[in-house]
Amino acid sequence: MHDPTQLNRQGPDVGNQYRSGVWYATEEQKREAEAYLKELATSARFAGRKIVTQVEAAKTFWPAEEYHQNYIEKTGGACHVQDPW
């Protein structure tokens, strides 16, 4: 649902916390993520646009703040970032 070509932002939200990323726990997950990003990069959907999604090893997990938990249920809607394609 996000644009993997936007560096450190999603829609109107800007900052490192909005970066596009895949955090893997196993080498298999890493390989799958990298293969998928390569597939996206060569797709017609993203032709001429650089995929900036980062692939990094998962480290410490920090749960989101309470107001982000069950977001759609609490707000009755979806995220404001719309599929631009």
PDB file of N, CA and C in Angstrom:
ATOM      1  N   MET A   1       0.812  -1.188   0.000  1.00  0.00           N
ATOM      2  CA  MET A   1       0.000   0.000   0.000  1.00  0.00           C
ATOM      3  C   MET A   1       0.863   1.263   0.000  1.00  0.00           C
ATOM      4  N   HIS A   2       2.161   1.120   0.145  1.00  0.00           N
ATOM      5  CA  HIS A   2       3.010   2.303   0.120  1.00  0.00           C
ATOM      6  C   HIS A   2       3.826   2.339  -1.168  1.00  0.00           C
ATOM      7  N   ASP A   3       4.452   3.459  -1.407  1.00  0.00           N
ATOM      8  CA  ASP A   3       5.266   3.651  -2.604  1.00  0.00           C
ATOM      9  C   ASP A   3       6.724   3.348  -2.262  1.00  0.00           C
ATOM     10  N   PRO A   4       7.277   2.256  -2.779  1.00  0.00           N
ATOM     11  CA  PRO A   4       8.654   1.878  -2.447  1.00  0.00           C
ATOM     12  C   PRO A   4       9.714   2.749  -3.107  1.00  0.00           C
ATOM     13  N   THR A   5       9.266   3.775  -3.847  1.00  0.00           N
ATOM     14  CA  THR A   5      10.226   4.681  -4.487  1.00  0.00           C
ATOM     15  C   THR A   5      10.360   6.004  -3.738  1.00  0.00           C
ATOM     16  N   GLN A   6       9.590   6.194  -2.677  1.00  0.00           N
ATOM     17  CA  GLN A   6       9.671   7.438  -1.904  1.00  0.00           C
ATOM     18  C   GLN A   6      10.678   7.242  -0.772  1.00  0.00           C
ATOM     19  N   LEU A   7      11.722   8.045  -0.762  1.00  0.00           N
ATOM     20  CA  LEU A   7      12.757   7.940   0.253  1.00  0.00           C
ATOM     21  C   LEU A   7      12.351   8.704   1.511  1.00  0.00           C
ATOM     22  N   ASN A   8      12.278   7.991   2.620  1.00  0.00           N
ATOM     23  CA  ASN A   8      11.971   8.580   3.934  1.00  0.00           C
ATOM     24  C   ASN A   8      10.669   9.376   3.951  1.00  0.00           C
ATOM     25  N   ARG A   9       9.669   8.829   3.294  1.00  0.00           N
ATOM     26  CA  ARG A   9       8.348   9.460   3.338  1.00  0.00           C
ATOM     27  C   ARG A   9       7.310   8.496   2.791  1.00  0.00           C
ATOM     28  N   GLN A  10       6.077   8.755   3.168  1.00  0.00           N
ATOM     29  CA  GLN A  10       4.925   8.074   2.591  1.00  0.00           C
ATOM     30  C   GLN A  10       3.816   9.102   2.544  1.00  0.00           C
ATOM     31  N   GLY A  11       3.452   9.505   1.340  1.00  0.00           N
ATOM     32  CA  GLY A  11       2.448  10.545   1.189  1.00  0.00           C
ATOM     33  C   GLY A  11       2.921  11.823   1.873  1.00  0.00           C
ATOM     34  N   PRO A  12       2.064  12.408   2.726  1.00  0.00           N
ATOM     35  CA  PRO A  12       2.432  13.665   3.381  1.00  0.00           C
ATOM     36  C   PRO A  12       3.350  13.477   4.595  1.00  0.00           C
ATOM     37  N   ASP A  13       3.583  12.223   4.993  1.00  0.00           N
ATOM     38  CA  ASP A  13       4.412  11.948   6.170  1.00  0.00           C
ATOM     39  C   ASP A  13       5.875  11.856   5.764  1.00  0.00           C
ATOM     40  N   VAL A  14       6.713  12.670   6.399  1.00  0.00           N
ATOM     41  CA  VAL A  14       8.124  12.741   6.027  1.00  0.00           C
ATOM     42  C   VAL A  14       8.994  12.470   7.244  1.00  0.00           C
ATOM     43  N   GLY A  15      10.060  11.739   7.041  1.00  0.00           N
ATOM     44  CA  GLY A  15      11.015  11.461   8.104  1.00  0.00           C
ATOM     45  C   GLY A  15      11.503  10.028   8.032  1.00  0.00           C
ATOM     46  N   ASN A  16      12.619   9.759   8.666  1.00  0.00           N
ATOM     47  CA  ASN A  16      13.228   8.438   8.650  1.00  0.00           C
ATOM     48  C   ASN A  16      12.266   7.359   9.141  1.00  0.00           C
ATOM     49  N   GLN A  17      11.360   7.711  10.056  1.00  0.00           N
ATOM     50  CA  GLN A  17      10.422   6.721  10.588  1.00  0.00           C
ATOM     51  C   GLN A  17       9.400   6.282   9.543  1.00  0.00           C
ATOM     52  N   TYR A  18       9.339   6.970   8.406  1.00  0.00           N
ATOM     53  CA  TYR A  18       8.415   6.605   7.332  1.00  0.00           C
ATOM     54  C   TYR A  18       9.133   5.938   6.165  1.00  0.00           C
ATOM     55  N   ARG A  19      10.369   5.516   6.376  1.00  0.00           N
ATOM     56  CA  ARG A  19      11.131   4.884   5.301  1.00  0.00           C
ATOM     57  C   ARG A  19      10.507   3.535   4.936  1.00  0.00           C
ATOM     58  N   SER A  20      10.764   3.142   3.730  1.00  0.00           N
ATOM     59  CA  SER A  20      10.303   1.858   3.230  1.00  0.00           C
ATOM     60  C   SER A  20      11.345   0.815   3.604  1.00  0.00           C
ATOM     61  N   GLY A  21      10.909  -0.218   4.314  1.00  0.00           N
ATOM     62  CA  GLY A  21      11.879  -1.210   4.749  1.00  0.00           C
ATOM     63  C   GLY A  21      11.289  -2.582   4.948  1.00  0.00           C
ATOM     64  N   VAL A  22      12.163  -3.572   4.817  1.00  0.00           N
ATOM     65  CA  VAL A  22      11.844  -4.956   5.129  1.00  0.00           C
ATOM     66  C   VAL A  22      12.883  -5.395   6.144  1.00  0.00           C
ATOM     67  N   TRP A  23      12.421  -5.868   7.282  1.00  0.00           N
ATOM     68  CA  TRP A  23      13.323  -6.333   8.324  1.00  0.00           C
ATOM     69  C   TRP A  23      13.171  -7.840   8.438  1.00  0.00           C
ATOM     70  N   TYR A  24      14.260  -8.542   8.205  1.00  0.00           N
ATOM     71  CA  TYR A  24      14.208  -9.997   8.142  1.00  0.00           C
ATOM     72  C   TYR A  24      14.786 -10.640   9.398  1.00  0.00           C
ATOM     73  N   ALA A  25      14.285 -11.859   9.674  1.00  0.00           N
ATOM     74  CA  ALA A  25      14.771 -12.630  10.822  1.00  0.00           C
ATOM     75  C   ALA A  25      15.634 -13.803  10.372  1.00  0.00           C
ATOM     76  N   THR A  26      15.495 -14.219   9.113  1.00  0.00           N
ATOM     77  CA  THR A  26      16.264 -15.355   8.595  1.00  0.00           C
ATOM     78  C   THR A  26      16.876 -14.984   7.245  1.00  0.00           C
ATOM     79  N   GLU A  27      17.880 -15.726   6.862  1.00  0.00           N
ATOM     80  CA  GLU A  27      18.511 -15.502   5.560  1.00  0.00           C
ATOM     81  C   GLU A  27      17.533 -15.782   4.424  1.00  0.00           C
ATOM     82  N   GLU A  28      16.622 -16.738   4.636  1.00  0.00           N
ATOM     83  CA  GLU A  28      15.613 -17.025   3.620  1.00  0.00           C
ATOM     84  C   GLU A  28      14.704 -15.811   3.409  1.00  0.00           C
ATOM     85  N   GLN A  29      14.290 -15.175   4.490  1.00  0.00           N
ATOM     86  CA  GLN A  29      13.475 -13.965   4.375  1.00  0.00           C
ATOM     87  C   GLN A  29      14.233 -12.861   3.640  1.00  0.00           C
ATOM     88  N   LYS A  30      15.511 -12.743   3.933  1.00  0.00           N
ATOM     89  CA  LYS A  30      16.333 -11.732   3.260  1.00  0.00           C
ATOM     90  C   LYS A  30      16.377 -11.994   1.761  1.00  0.00           C
ATOM     91  N   ARG A  31      16.633 -13.233   1.373  1.00  0.00           N
ATOM     92  CA  ARG A  31      16.693 -13.587  -0.054  1.00  0.00           C
ATOM     93  C   ARG A  31      15.355 -13.314  -0.740  1.00  0.00           C
ATOM     94  N   GLU A  32      14.259 -13.676  -0.065  1.00  0.00           N
ATOM     95  CA  GLU A  32      12.932 -13.457  -0.650  1.00  0.00           C
ATOM     96  C   GLU A  32      12.647 -11.964  -0.828  1.00  0.00           C
ATOM     97  N   ALA A  33      12.994 -11.171   0.160  1.00  0.00           N
ATOM     98  CA  ALA A  33      12.771  -9.725   0.081  1.00  0.00           C
ATOM     99  C   ALA A  33      13.591  -9.122  -1.052  1.00  0.00           C
ATOM    100  N   GLU A  34      14.860  -9.494  -1.134  1.00  0.00           N
ATOM    101  CA  GLU A  34      15.721  -8.950  -2.179  1.00  0.00           C
ATOM    102  C   GLU A  34      15.238  -9.370  -3.563  1.00  0.00           C
ATOM    103  N   ALA A  35      14.773 -10.603  -3.696  1.00  0.00           N
ATOM    104  CA  ALA A  35      14.258 -11.078  -4.988  1.00  0.00           C
ATOM    105  C   ALA A  35      13.003 -10.308  -5.373  1.00  0.00           C
ATOM    106  N   TYR A  36      12.135 -10.050  -4.397  1.00  0.00           N
ATOM    107  CA  TYR A  36      10.901  -9.324  -4.699  1.00  0.00           C
ATOM    108  C   TYR A  36      11.197  -7.879  -5.091  1.00  0.00           C
ATOM    109  N   LEU A  37      12.121  -7.242  -4.399  1.00  0.00           N
ATOM    110  CA  LEU A  37      12.472  -5.866  -4.737  1.00  0.00           C
ATOM    111  C   LEU A  37      13.099  -5.792  -6.129  1.00  0.00           C
ATOM    112  N   LYS A  38      13.869  -6.794  -6.487  1.00  0.00           N
ATOM    113  CA  LYS A  38      14.454  -6.852  -7.822  1.00  0.00           C
ATOM    114  C   LYS A  38      13.343  -6.991  -8.866  1.00  0.00           C
ATOM    115  N   GLU A  39      12.340  -7.804  -8.539  1.00  0.00           N
ATOM    116  CA  GLU A  39      11.187  -7.980  -9.426  1.00  0.00           C
ATOM    117  C   GLU A  39      10.440  -6.651  -9.601  1.00  0.00           C
ATOM    118  N   LEU A  40      10.230  -5.941  -8.503  1.00  0.00           N
ATOM    119  CA  LEU A  40       9.562  -4.634  -8.582  1.00  0.00           C
ATOM    120  C   LEU A  40      10.359  -3.660  -9.441  1.00  0.00           C
ATOM    121  N   ALA A  41      11.674  -3.666  -9.265  1.00  0.00           N
ATOM    122  CA  ALA A  41      12.533  -2.717  -9.980  1.00  0.00           C
ATOM    123  C   ALA A  41      12.484  -2.911 -11.492  1.00  0.00           C
ATOM    124  N   THR A  42      12.200  -4.122 -11.923  1.00  0.00           N
ATOM    125  CA  THR A  42      12.152  -4.397 -13.364  1.00  0.00           C
ATOM    126  C   THR A  42      10.724  -4.427 -13.896  1.00  0.00           C
ATOM    127  N   SER A  43       9.763  -4.123 -13.044  1.00  0.00           N
ATOM    128  CA  SER A  43       8.358  -4.157 -13.460  1.00  0.00           C
ATOM    129  C   SER A  43       7.968  -2.874 -14.204  1.00  0.00           C
ATOM    130  N   ALA A  44       6.938  -2.977 -15.008  1.00  0.00           N
ATOM    131  CA  ALA A  44       6.413  -1.808 -15.720  1.00  0.00           C
ATOM    132  C   ALA A  44       5.845  -0.786 -14.735  1.00  0.00           C
ATOM    133  N   ARG A  45       5.356  -1.262 -13.625  1.00  0.00           N
ATOM    134  CA  ARG A  45       4.740  -0.373 -12.624  1.00  0.00           C
ATOM    135  C   ARG A  45       5.709   0.684 -12.112  1.00  0.00           C
ATOM    136  N   PHE A  46       6.980   0.297 -11.969  1.00  0.00           N
ATOM    137  CA  PHE A  46       7.975   1.218 -11.428  1.00  0.00           C
ATOM    138  C   PHE A  46       9.065   1.552 -12.446  1.00  0.00           C
ATOM    139  N   ALA A  47       8.776   1.423 -13.714  1.00  0.00           N
ATOM    140  CA  ALA A  47       9.747   1.691 -14.770  1.00  0.00           C
ATOM    141  C   ALA A  47      10.351   3.084 -14.617  1.00  0.00           C
ATOM    142  N   GLY A  48      11.668   3.135 -14.609  1.00  0.00           N
ATOM    143  CA  GLY A  48      12.367   4.412 -14.532  1.00  0.00           C
ATOM    144  C   GLY A  48      12.426   5.018 -13.138  1.00  0.00           C
ATOM    145  N   ARG A  49      11.889   4.335 -12.129  1.00  0.00           N
ATOM    146  CA  ARG A  49      11.895   4.852 -10.756  1.00  0.00           C
ATOM    147  C   ARG A  49      12.703   3.902  -9.880  1.00  0.00           C
ATOM    148  N   LYS A  50      13.562   4.441  -9.063  1.00  0.00           N
ATOM    149  CA  LYS A  50      14.430   3.634  -8.206  1.00  0.00           C
ATOM    150  C   LYS A  50      13.661   3.138  -6.972  1.00  0.00           C
ATOM    151  N   ILE A  51      13.760   1.847  -6.705  1.00  0.00           N
ATOM    152  CA  ILE A  51      13.180   1.269  -5.489  1.00  0.00           C
ATOM    153  C   ILE A  51      14.154   1.577  -4.358  1.00  0.00           C
ATOM    154  N   VAL A  52      13.671   2.245  -3.313  1.00  0.00           N
ATOM    155  CA  VAL A  52      14.547   2.655  -2.209  1.00  0.00           C
ATOM    156  C   VAL A  52      14.301   1.858  -0.927  1.00  0.00           C
ATOM    157  N   THR A  53      13.457   0.848  -1.001  1.00  0.00           N
ATOM    158  CA  THR A  53      13.161   0.014   0.162  1.00  0.00           C
ATOM    159  C   THR A  53      14.444  -0.615   0.676  1.00  0.00           C
ATOM    160  N   GLN A  54      14.680  -0.475   1.974  1.00  0.00           N
ATOM    161  CA  GLN A  54      15.872  -1.034   2.605  1.00  0.00           C
ATOM    162  C   GLN A  54      15.581  -2.450   3.092  1.00  0.00           C
ATOM    163  N   VAL A  55      16.567  -3.323   3.016  1.00  0.00           N
ATOM    164  CA  VAL A  55      16.462  -4.677   3.558  1.00  0.00           C
ATOM    165  C   VAL A  55      17.515  -4.784   4.651  1.00  0.00           C
ATOM    166  N   GLU A  56      17.058  -4.975   5.881  1.00  0.00           N
ATOM    167  CA  GLU A  56      17.967  -4.996   7.030  1.00  0.00           C
ATOM    168  C   GLU A  56      17.592  -6.115   7.990  1.00  0.00           C
ATOM    169  N   ALA A  57      18.571  -6.578   8.724  1.00  0.00           N
ATOM    170  CA  ALA A  57      18.315  -7.582   9.757  1.00  0.00           C
ATOM    171  C   ALA A  57      17.455  -6.966  10.861  1.00  0.00           C
ATOM    172  N   ALA A  58      16.480  -7.743  11.324  1.00  0.00           N
ATOM    173  CA  ALA A  58      15.629  -7.276  12.428  1.00  0.00           C
ATOM    174  C   ALA A  58      16.461  -7.229  13.701  1.00  0.00           C
ATOM    175  N   LYS A  59      16.244  -6.185  14.475  1.00  0.00           N
ATOM    176  CA  LYS A  59      16.959  -6.037  15.738  1.00  0.00           C
ATOM    177  C   LYS A  59      15.925  -5.924  16.846  1.00  0.00           C
ATOM    178  N   THR A  60      16.039  -4.964  17.688  1.00  0.00           N
ATOM    179  CA  THR A  60      15.082  -4.764  18.766  1.00  0.00           C
ATOM    180  C   THR A  60      13.724  -4.377  18.200  1.00  0.00           C
ATOM    181  N   PHE A  61      12.679  -5.031  18.677  1.00  0.00           N
ATOM    182  CA  PHE A  61      11.325  -4.706  18.255  1.00  0.00           C
ATOM    183  C   PHE A  61      10.717  -3.745  19.254  1.00  0.00           C
ATOM    184  N   TRP A  62      10.191  -2.646  18.758  1.00  0.00           N
ATOM    185  CA  TRP A  62       9.523  -1.662  19.605  1.00  0.00           C
ATOM    186  C   TRP A  62       8.058  -1.604  19.199  1.00  0.00           C
ATOM    187  N   PRO A  63       7.149  -1.991  20.063  1.00  0.00           N
ATOM    188  CA  PRO A  63       5.729  -1.894  19.720  1.00  0.00           C
ATOM    189  C   PRO A  63       5.340  -0.435  19.480  1.00  0.00           C
ATOM    190  N   ALA A  64       4.403  -0.238  18.584  1.00  0.00           N
ATOM    191  CA  ALA A  64       3.907   1.111  18.318  1.00  0.00           C
ATOM    192  C   ALA A  64       3.140   1.626  19.531  1.00  0.00           C
ATOM    193  N   GLU A  65       2.988   2.940  19.576  1.00  0.00           N
ATOM    194  CA  GLU A  65       2.226   3.555  20.658  1.00  0.00           C
ATOM    195  C   GLU A  65       0.800   3.016  20.636  1.00  0.00           C
ATOM    196  N   GLU A  66       0.136   3.089  21.762  1.00  0.00           N
ATOM    197  CA  GLU A  66      -1.221   2.551  21.889  1.00  0.00           C
ATOM    198  C   GLU A  66      -2.163   3.115  20.825  1.00  0.00           C
ATOM    199  N   TYR A  67      -2.042   4.405  20.500  1.00  0.00           N
ATOM    200  CA  TYR A  67      -2.968   4.977  19.527  1.00  0.00           C
ATOM    201  C   TYR A  67      -2.769   4.431  18.121  1.00  0.00           C
ATOM    202  N   HIS A  68      -1.659   3.736  17.876  1.00  0.00           N
ATOM    203  CA  HIS A  68      -1.448   3.097  16.577  1.00  0.00           C
ATOM    204  C   HIS A  68      -1.921   1.641  16.572  1.00  0.00           C
ATOM    205  N   GLN A  69      -2.176   1.061  17.723  1.00  0.00           N
ATOM    206  CA  GLN A  69      -2.630  -0.324  17.792  1.00  0.00           C
ATOM    207  C   GLN A  69      -4.065  -0.413  17.270  1.00  0.00           C
ATOM    208  N   ASN A  70      -4.344  -1.403  16.436  1.00  0.00           N
ATOM    209  CA  ASN A  70      -5.688  -1.599  15.865  1.00  0.00           C
ATOM    210  C   ASN A  70      -6.189  -0.313  15.213  1.00  0.00           C
ATOM    211  N   TYR A  71      -5.323   0.334  14.471  1.00  0.00           N
ATOM    212  CA  TYR A  71      -5.589   1.654  13.899  1.00  0.00           C
ATOM    213  C   TYR A  71      -6.893   1.718  13.097  1.00  0.00           C
ATOM    214  N   ILE A  72      -7.080   0.770  12.197  1.00  0.00           N
ATOM    215  CA  ILE A  72      -8.267   0.815  11.345  1.00  0.00           C
ATOM    216  C   ILE A  72      -9.532   0.640  12.174  1.00  0.00           C
ATOM    217  N   GLU A  73      -9.496  -0.261  13.148  1.00  0.00           N
ATOM    218  CA  GLU A  73     -10.660  -0.447  14.018  1.00  0.00           C
ATOM    219  C   GLU A  73     -10.969   0.831  14.798  1.00  0.00           C
ATOM    220  N   LYS A  74      -9.938   1.510  15.258  1.00  0.00           N
ATOM    221  CA  LYS A  74     -10.141   2.722  16.063  1.00  0.00           C
ATOM    222  C   LYS A  74     -10.608   3.915  15.237  1.00  0.00           C
ATOM    223  N   THR A  75     -10.134   4.014  13.999  1.00  0.00           N
ATOM    224  CA  THR A  75     -10.450   5.194  13.192  1.00  0.00           C
ATOM    225  C   THR A  75     -11.596   4.950  12.220  1.00  0.00           C
ATOM    226  N   GLY A  76     -11.916   3.686  11.997  1.00  0.00           N
ATOM    227  CA  GLY A  76     -12.992   3.373  11.068  1.00  0.00           C
ATOM    228  C   GLY A  76     -12.597   3.520   9.614  1.00  0.00           C
ATOM    229  N   GLY A  77     -11.332   3.727   9.361  1.00  0.00           N
ATOM    230  CA  GLY A  77     -10.886   3.886   7.976  1.00  0.00           C
ATOM    231  C   GLY A  77      -9.500   3.346   7.767  1.00  0.00           C
ATOM    232  N   ALA A  78      -9.028   3.533   6.593  1.00  0.00           N
ATOM    233  CA  ALA A  78      -7.702   3.065   6.217  1.00  0.00           C
ATOM    234  C   ALA A  78      -6.682   4.174   6.403  1.00  0.00           C
ATOM    235  N   CYS A  79      -5.448   3.816   6.230  1.00  0.00           N
ATOM    236  CA  CYS A  79      -4.350   4.777   6.257  1.00  0.00           C
ATOM    237  C   CYS A  79      -4.596   5.831   5.181  1.00  0.00           C
ATOM    238  N   HIS A  80      -4.158   7.054   5.419  1.00  0.00           N
ATOM    239  CA  HIS A  80      -4.372   8.136   4.463  1.00  0.00           C
ATOM    240  C   HIS A  80      -3.505   8.023   3.217  1.00  0.00           C
ATOM    241  N   VAL A  81      -2.503   7.153   3.233  1.00  0.00           N
ATOM    242  CA  VAL A  81      -1.642   6.989   2.068  1.00  0.00           C
ATOM    243  C   VAL A  81      -2.407   6.141   1.056  1.00  0.00           C
ATOM    244  N   GLN A  82      -2.651   6.690  -0.098  1.00  0.00           N
ATOM    245  CA  GLN A  82      -3.397   5.993  -1.134  1.00  0.00           C
ATOM    246  C   GLN A  82      -2.436   5.420  -2.161  1.00  0.00           C
ATOM    247  N   ASP A  83      -2.832   4.320  -2.740  1.00  0.00           N
ATOM    248  CA  ASP A  83      -2.051   3.670  -3.790  1.00  0.00           C
ATOM    249  C   ASP A  83      -1.992   4.613  -4.990  1.00  0.00           C
ATOM    250  N   PRO A  84      -0.800   5.160  -5.313  1.00  0.00           N
ATOM    251  CA  PRO A  84      -0.685   6.143  -6.395  1.00  0.00           C
ATOM    252  C   PRO A  84      -0.605   5.514  -7.784  1.00  0.00           C
ATOM    253  N   TRP A  85      -0.691   4.194  -7.867  1.00  0.00           N
ATOM    254  CA  TRP A  85      -0.492   3.559  -9.161  1.00  0.00           C
ATOM    255  C   TRP A  85      -1.813   3.201  -9.735  1.00  0.00           C
TER     256      TRP A  85
END
